[in-house]
Amino acid sequence: MKFATTIAGDGTFERHGNEGVFRICVGHTLKIFLPSGVTVNDRPILKLVDGVGDETELKGCSDTLGNITYEWAPAVGGPHKLTFEHAGENGIRTTAKANHVIVQPQFVVGSKEIPYTAITMQTVLSRCLGPISNWNRMVEPLNYNVLHFVPIQTPGESGS
């Protein structure tokens, strides 16, 4: 699936009536269009910063009219920040306000993809469930499809 947006004169994404951050899924593509009139005699840079701070410069393709198109297909879920840099009319490089994109993760069990909205998860304190032989009886009626077990550790001096 492809999503598209245009970079406005101030370097931010045009929202087309949808305020807030962009949300796309892993494997989808975001196509970003930069009209030729937005920059002045300069090589515009579109930088991507992922959730852990790794920075990548996206390469764009120009058409005969000077419009530039960038395509980004995220492989990893999480928050991402896209910033647009260019030289203004005075020749000084400016960085526009960041555009935020949330990339939804992809969950696959076996060969079946499960939408992230279908996950109902419960964190369980393992030692509160009693003996392991009783766990199934304790968690089955809860109707969660994912259980997160806190690591089992030997109690410390305080017993916790």
C-alpha atoms as a PDB file:
ATOM      1  CA  MET A   1       0.000   0.000   0.000  1.00  0.00           C
ATOM      2  CA  LYS A   2       1.297   3.477  -0.839  1.00  0.00           C
ATOM      3  CA  PHE A   3       0.626   6.742   0.950  1.00  0.00           C
ATOM      4  CA  ALA A   4       1.549  10.143  -0.477  1.00  0.00           C
ATOM      5  CA  THR A   5       2.083  13.674   0.778  1.00  0.00           C
ATOM      6  CA  THR A   6       3.560  16.964  -0.425  1.00  0.00           C
ATOM      7  CA  ILE A   7       6.169  19.102   1.302  1.00  0.00           C
ATOM      8  CA  ALA A   8       4.744  22.592   1.839  1.00  0.00           C
ATOM      9  CA  GLY A   9       6.694  25.862   1.572  1.00  0.00           C
ATOM     10  CA  ASP A  10       7.609  25.743   5.279  1.00  0.00           C
ATOM     11  CA  GLY A  11       9.062  22.212   4.918  1.00  0.00           C
ATOM     12  CA  THR A  12       6.238  20.414   6.698  1.00  0.00           C
ATOM     13  CA  PHE A  13       3.991  17.753   5.214  1.00  0.00           C
ATOM     14  CA  GLU A  14       0.650  18.820   3.862  1.00  0.00           C
ATOM     15  CA  ARG A  15      -1.897  16.864   5.870  1.00  0.00           C
ATOM     16  CA  HIS A  16      -4.807  16.927   3.420  1.00  0.00           C
ATOM     17  CA  GLY A  17      -7.283  17.302   6.293  1.00  0.00           C
ATOM     18  CA  ASN A  18      -5.659  14.717   8.579  1.00  0.00           C
ATOM     19  CA  GLU A  19      -3.959  16.575  11.436  1.00  0.00           C
ATOM     20  CA  GLY A  20      -1.330  14.929  13.606  1.00  0.00           C
ATOM     21  CA  VAL A  21       1.303  12.333  12.793  1.00  0.00           C
ATOM     22  CA  PHE A  22       1.294   9.956   9.859  1.00  0.00           C
ATOM     23  CA  ARG A  23       0.653   6.304  10.667  1.00  0.00           C
ATOM     24  CA  ILE A  24       1.746   3.628   8.245  1.00  0.00           C
ATOM     25  CA  CYS A  25       2.582  -0.056   8.578  1.00  0.00           C
ATOM     26  CA  VAL A  26       5.830  -1.915   8.054  1.00  0.00           C
ATOM     27  CA  GLY A  27       5.999  -2.859   4.383  1.00  0.00           C
ATOM     28  CA  HIS A  28       3.943   0.128   3.199  1.00  0.00           C
ATOM     29  CA  THR A  29       5.492   2.989   1.242  1.00  0.00           C
ATOM     30  CA  LEU A  30       5.343   6.716   1.941  1.00  0.00           C
ATOM     31  CA  LYS A  31       5.818   8.799  -1.224  1.00  0.00           C
ATOM     32  CA  ILE A  32       6.872  12.398  -0.539  1.00  0.00           C
ATOM     33  CA  PHE A  33       6.543  14.993  -3.303  1.00  0.00           C
ATOM     34  CA  LEU A  34       8.594  18.207  -3.303  1.00  0.00           C
ATOM     35  CA  PRO A  35       7.332  20.749  -5.875  1.00  0.00           C
ATOM     36  CA  SER A  36      10.075  22.639  -7.744  1.00  0.00           C
ATOM     37  CA  GLY A  37       9.065  26.041  -6.318  1.00  0.00           C
ATOM     38  CA  VAL A  38       9.785  25.106  -2.684  1.00  0.00           C
ATOM     39  CA  THR A  39      13.594  25.351  -2.901  1.00  0.00           C
ATOM     40  CA  VAL A  40      15.862  28.057  -4.327  1.00  0.00           C
ATOM     41  CA  ASN A  41      18.935  26.859  -6.306  1.00  0.00           C
ATOM     42  CA  ASP A  42      19.810  24.229  -3.769  1.00  0.00           C
ATOM     43  CA  ARG A  43      19.995  20.494  -3.258  1.00  0.00           C
ATOM     44  CA  PRO A  44      17.241  19.749  -0.748  1.00  0.00           C
ATOM     45  CA  ILE A  45      17.915  17.054   1.844  1.00  0.00           C
ATOM     46  CA  LEU A  46      15.267  14.860   3.438  1.00  0.00           C
ATOM     47  CA  LYS A  47      16.640  13.270   6.617  1.00  0.00           C
ATOM     48  CA  LEU A  48      15.115  10.328   8.429  1.00  0.00           C
ATOM     49  CA  VAL A  49      15.831   9.662  12.112  1.00  0.00           C
ATOM     50  CA  ASP A  50      14.524   6.388  13.549  1.00  0.00           C
ATOM     51  CA  GLY A  51      13.491   5.631  17.128  1.00  0.00           C
ATOM     52  CA  VAL A  52      17.040   4.860  18.288  1.00  0.00           C
ATOM     53  CA  GLY A  53      18.570   7.993  16.721  1.00  0.00           C
ATOM     54  CA  ASP A  54      20.092   6.493  13.560  1.00  0.00           C
ATOM     55  CA  GLU A  55      20.017   9.072  10.776  1.00  0.00           C
ATOM     56  CA  THR A  56      19.621   8.353   7.058  1.00  0.00           C
ATOM     57  CA  GLU A  57      19.429  10.719   4.113  1.00  0.00           C
ATOM     58  CA  LEU A  58      16.664   9.803   1.672  1.00  0.00           C
ATOM     59  CA  LYS A  59      17.549  10.111  -2.012  1.00  0.00           C
ATOM     60  CA  GLY A  60      14.998  11.722  -4.298  1.00  0.00           C
ATOM     61  CA  CYS A  61      14.362  11.442  -8.030  1.00  0.00           C
ATOM     62  CA  SER A  62      13.864  14.608 -10.113  1.00  0.00           C
ATOM     63  CA  ASP A  63      11.545  14.915 -13.068  1.00  0.00           C
ATOM     64  CA  THR A  64      11.981  17.241 -16.069  1.00  0.00           C
ATOM     65  CA  LEU A  65      10.123  20.050 -14.282  1.00  0.00           C
ATOM     66  CA  GLY A  66      12.435  20.003 -11.244  1.00  0.00           C
ATOM     67  CA  ASN A  67       9.957  18.314  -8.908  1.00  0.00           C
ATOM     68  CA  ILE A  68      11.570  15.803  -6.559  1.00  0.00           C
ATOM     69  CA  THR A  69       9.932  12.605  -5.335  1.00  0.00           C
ATOM     70  CA  TYR A  70      11.186  10.612  -2.347  1.00  0.00           C
ATOM     71  CA  GLU A  71       9.979   7.099  -1.494  1.00  0.00           C
ATOM     72  CA  TRP A  72      10.421   5.438   1.879  1.00  0.00           C
ATOM     73  CA  ALA A  73       9.367   1.903   2.784  1.00  0.00           C
ATOM     74  CA  PRO A  74      10.169   1.314   6.473  1.00  0.00           C
ATOM     75  CA  ALA A  75      11.390  -2.132   7.434  1.00  0.00           C
ATOM     76  CA  VAL A  76      11.200  -1.574  11.204  1.00  0.00           C
ATOM     77  CA  GLY A  77       8.294  -0.366  13.321  1.00  0.00           C
ATOM     78  CA  GLY A  78       8.464   2.533  15.761  1.00  0.00           C
ATOM     79  CA  PRO A  79       8.582   6.335  15.765  1.00  0.00           C
ATOM     80  CA  HIS A  80      10.435   8.084  12.949  1.00  0.00           C
ATOM     81  CA  LYS A  81      11.176  11.735  12.292  1.00  0.00           C
ATOM     82  CA  LEU A  82      11.565  13.257   8.819  1.00  0.00           C
ATOM     83  CA  THR A  83      13.145  16.693   8.464  1.00  0.00           C
ATOM     84  CA  PHE A  84      13.592  18.772   5.352  1.00  0.00           C
ATOM     85  CA  GLU A  85      16.715  20.929   4.886  1.00  0.00           C
ATOM     86  CA  HIS A  86      17.381  23.492   2.181  1.00  0.00           C
ATOM     87  CA  ALA A  87      18.991  26.872   1.595  1.00  0.00           C
ATOM     88  CA  GLY A  88      16.582  29.758   1.865  1.00  0.00           C
ATOM     89  CA  GLU A  89      16.598  32.846  -0.316  1.00  0.00           C
ATOM     90  CA  ASN A  90      19.458  34.287   1.765  1.00  0.00           C
ATOM     91  CA  GLY A  91      21.610  31.171   1.104  1.00  0.00           C
ATOM     92  CA  ILE A  92      21.586  30.022   4.749  1.00  0.00           C
ATOM     93  CA  ARG A  93      20.681  26.347   5.260  1.00  0.00           C
ATOM     94  CA  THR A  94      17.489  25.951   7.228  1.00  0.00           C
ATOM     95  CA  THR A  95      15.877  22.903   8.769  1.00  0.00           C
ATOM     96  CA  ALA A  96      12.102  22.793   8.808  1.00  0.00           C
ATOM     97  CA  LYS A  97       9.969  21.597  11.703  1.00  0.00           C
ATOM     98  CA  ALA A  98      10.103  17.801  12.011  1.00  0.00           C
ATOM     99  CA  ASN A  99       7.419  15.618  10.469  1.00  0.00           C
ATOM    100  CA  HIS A 100       6.593  12.592  12.611  1.00  0.00           C
ATOM    101  CA  VAL A 101       5.676   9.169  11.251  1.00  0.00           C
ATOM    102  CA  ILE A 102       4.607   6.233  13.409  1.00  0.00           C
ATOM    103  CA  VAL A 103       5.337   2.913  11.748  1.00  0.00           C
ATOM    104  CA  GLN A 104       3.058   0.200  13.083  1.00  0.00           C
ATOM    105  CA  PRO A 105       4.795  -3.139  13.644  1.00  0.00           C
ATOM    106  CA  GLN A 106       3.889  -6.291  11.781  1.00  0.00           C
ATOM    107  CA  PHE A 107       3.076  -9.402  13.822  1.00  0.00           C
ATOM    108  CA  VAL A 108       3.265 -12.770  12.093  1.00  0.00           C
ATOM    109  CA  VAL A 109       2.398 -16.087  13.746  1.00  0.00           C
ATOM    110  CA  GLY A 110       3.260 -19.012  11.516  1.00  0.00           C
ATOM    111  CA  SER A 111       2.367 -17.559   8.132  1.00  0.00           C
ATOM    112  CA  LYS A 112      -0.618 -15.520   9.321  1.00  0.00           C
ATOM    113  CA  GLU A 113      -0.325 -11.758   9.828  1.00  0.00           C
ATOM    114  CA  ILE A 114      -2.100 -10.431  12.917  1.00  0.00           C
ATOM    115  CA  PRO A 115      -3.055  -6.741  13.035  1.00  0.00           C
ATOM    116  CA  TYR A 116      -1.491  -4.951  15.994  1.00  0.00           C
ATOM    117  CA  THR A 117      -4.973  -3.855  17.081  1.00  0.00           C
ATOM    118  CA  ALA A 118      -5.944  -7.514  17.612  1.00  0.00           C
ATOM    119  CA  ILE A 119      -3.349  -8.045  20.351  1.00  0.00           C
ATOM    120  CA  THR A 120      -4.768  -8.225  23.876  1.00  0.00           C
ATOM    121  CA  MET A 121      -1.853  -8.671  26.244  1.00  0.00           C
ATOM    122  CA  GLN A 122      -1.556  -9.141  29.987  1.00  0.00           C
ATOM    123  CA  THR A 123       1.612  -8.956  32.059  1.00  0.00           C
ATOM    124  CA  VAL A 124       1.669 -11.730  34.650  1.00  0.00           C
ATOM    125  CA  LEU A 125       3.733 -11.893  37.840  1.00  0.00           C
ATOM    126  CA  SER A 126       4.811 -15.508  37.584  1.00  0.00           C
ATOM    127  CA  ARG A 127       5.219 -16.130  41.295  1.00  0.00           C
ATOM    128  CA  CYS A 128       1.634 -14.970  41.941  1.00  0.00           C
ATOM    129  CA  LEU A 129       0.235 -17.815  39.809  1.00  0.00           C
ATOM    130  CA  GLY A 130       1.434 -20.544  42.150  1.00  0.00           C
ATOM    131  CA  PRO A 131       2.875 -23.833  40.872  1.00  0.00           C
ATOM    132  CA  ILE A 132       3.463 -24.117  37.098  1.00  0.00           C
ATOM    133  CA  SER A 133       0.989 -26.994  36.953  1.00  0.00           C
ATOM    134  CA  ASN A 134      -1.812 -24.485  37.845  1.00  0.00           C
ATOM    135  CA  TRP A 135      -0.863 -21.764  35.328  1.00  0.00           C
ATOM    136  CA  ASN A 136      -3.093 -22.930  32.471  1.00  0.00           C
ATOM    137  CA  ARG A 137      -6.132 -23.042  34.768  1.00  0.00           C
ATOM    138  CA  MET A 138      -5.329 -19.537  36.055  1.00  0.00           C
ATOM    139  CA  VAL A 139      -4.721 -17.732  32.741  1.00  0.00           C
ATOM    140  CA  GLU A 140      -7.111 -19.507  30.334  1.00  0.00           C
ATOM    141  CA  PRO A 141     -10.306 -17.738  31.571  1.00  0.00           C
ATOM    142  CA  LEU A 142      -8.674 -14.302  31.089  1.00  0.00           C
ATOM    143  CA  ASN A 143      -9.177 -14.476  27.263  1.00  0.00           C
ATOM    144  CA  TYR A 144      -5.890 -12.726  26.424  1.00  0.00           C
ATOM    145  CA  ASN A 145      -4.129 -13.852  23.262  1.00  0.00           C
ATOM    146  CA  VAL A 146      -0.655 -12.808  24.492  1.00  0.00           C
ATOM    147  CA  LEU A 147       0.778 -13.262  27.973  1.00  0.00           C
ATOM    148  CA  HIS A 148       3.966 -11.536  29.100  1.00  0.00           C
ATOM    149  CA  PHE A 149       5.570 -13.354  31.999  1.00  0.00           C
ATOM    150  CA  VAL A 150       7.816 -11.301  34.253  1.00  0.00           C
ATOM    151  CA  PRO A 151      11.150 -13.167  34.500  1.00  0.00           C
ATOM    152  CA  ILE A 152      11.229 -15.801  37.218  1.00  0.00           C
ATOM    153  CA  GLN A 153      13.920 -15.026  39.773  1.00  0.00           C
ATOM    154  CA  THR A 154      14.943 -16.317  43.140  1.00  0.00           C
ATOM    155  CA  PRO A 155      13.514 -13.987  45.825  1.00  0.00           C
ATOM    156  CA  GLY A 156      16.036 -11.671  47.470  1.00  0.00           C
ATOM    157  CA  GLU A 157      16.597 -11.118  51.202  1.00  0.00           C
ATOM    158  CA  SER A 158      13.330  -9.184  51.554  1.00  0.00           C
ATOM    159  CA  GLY A 159      11.369 -12.020  49.927  1.00  0.00           C
ATOM    160  CA  SER A 160      10.337  -9.937  46.939  1.00  0.00           C
END
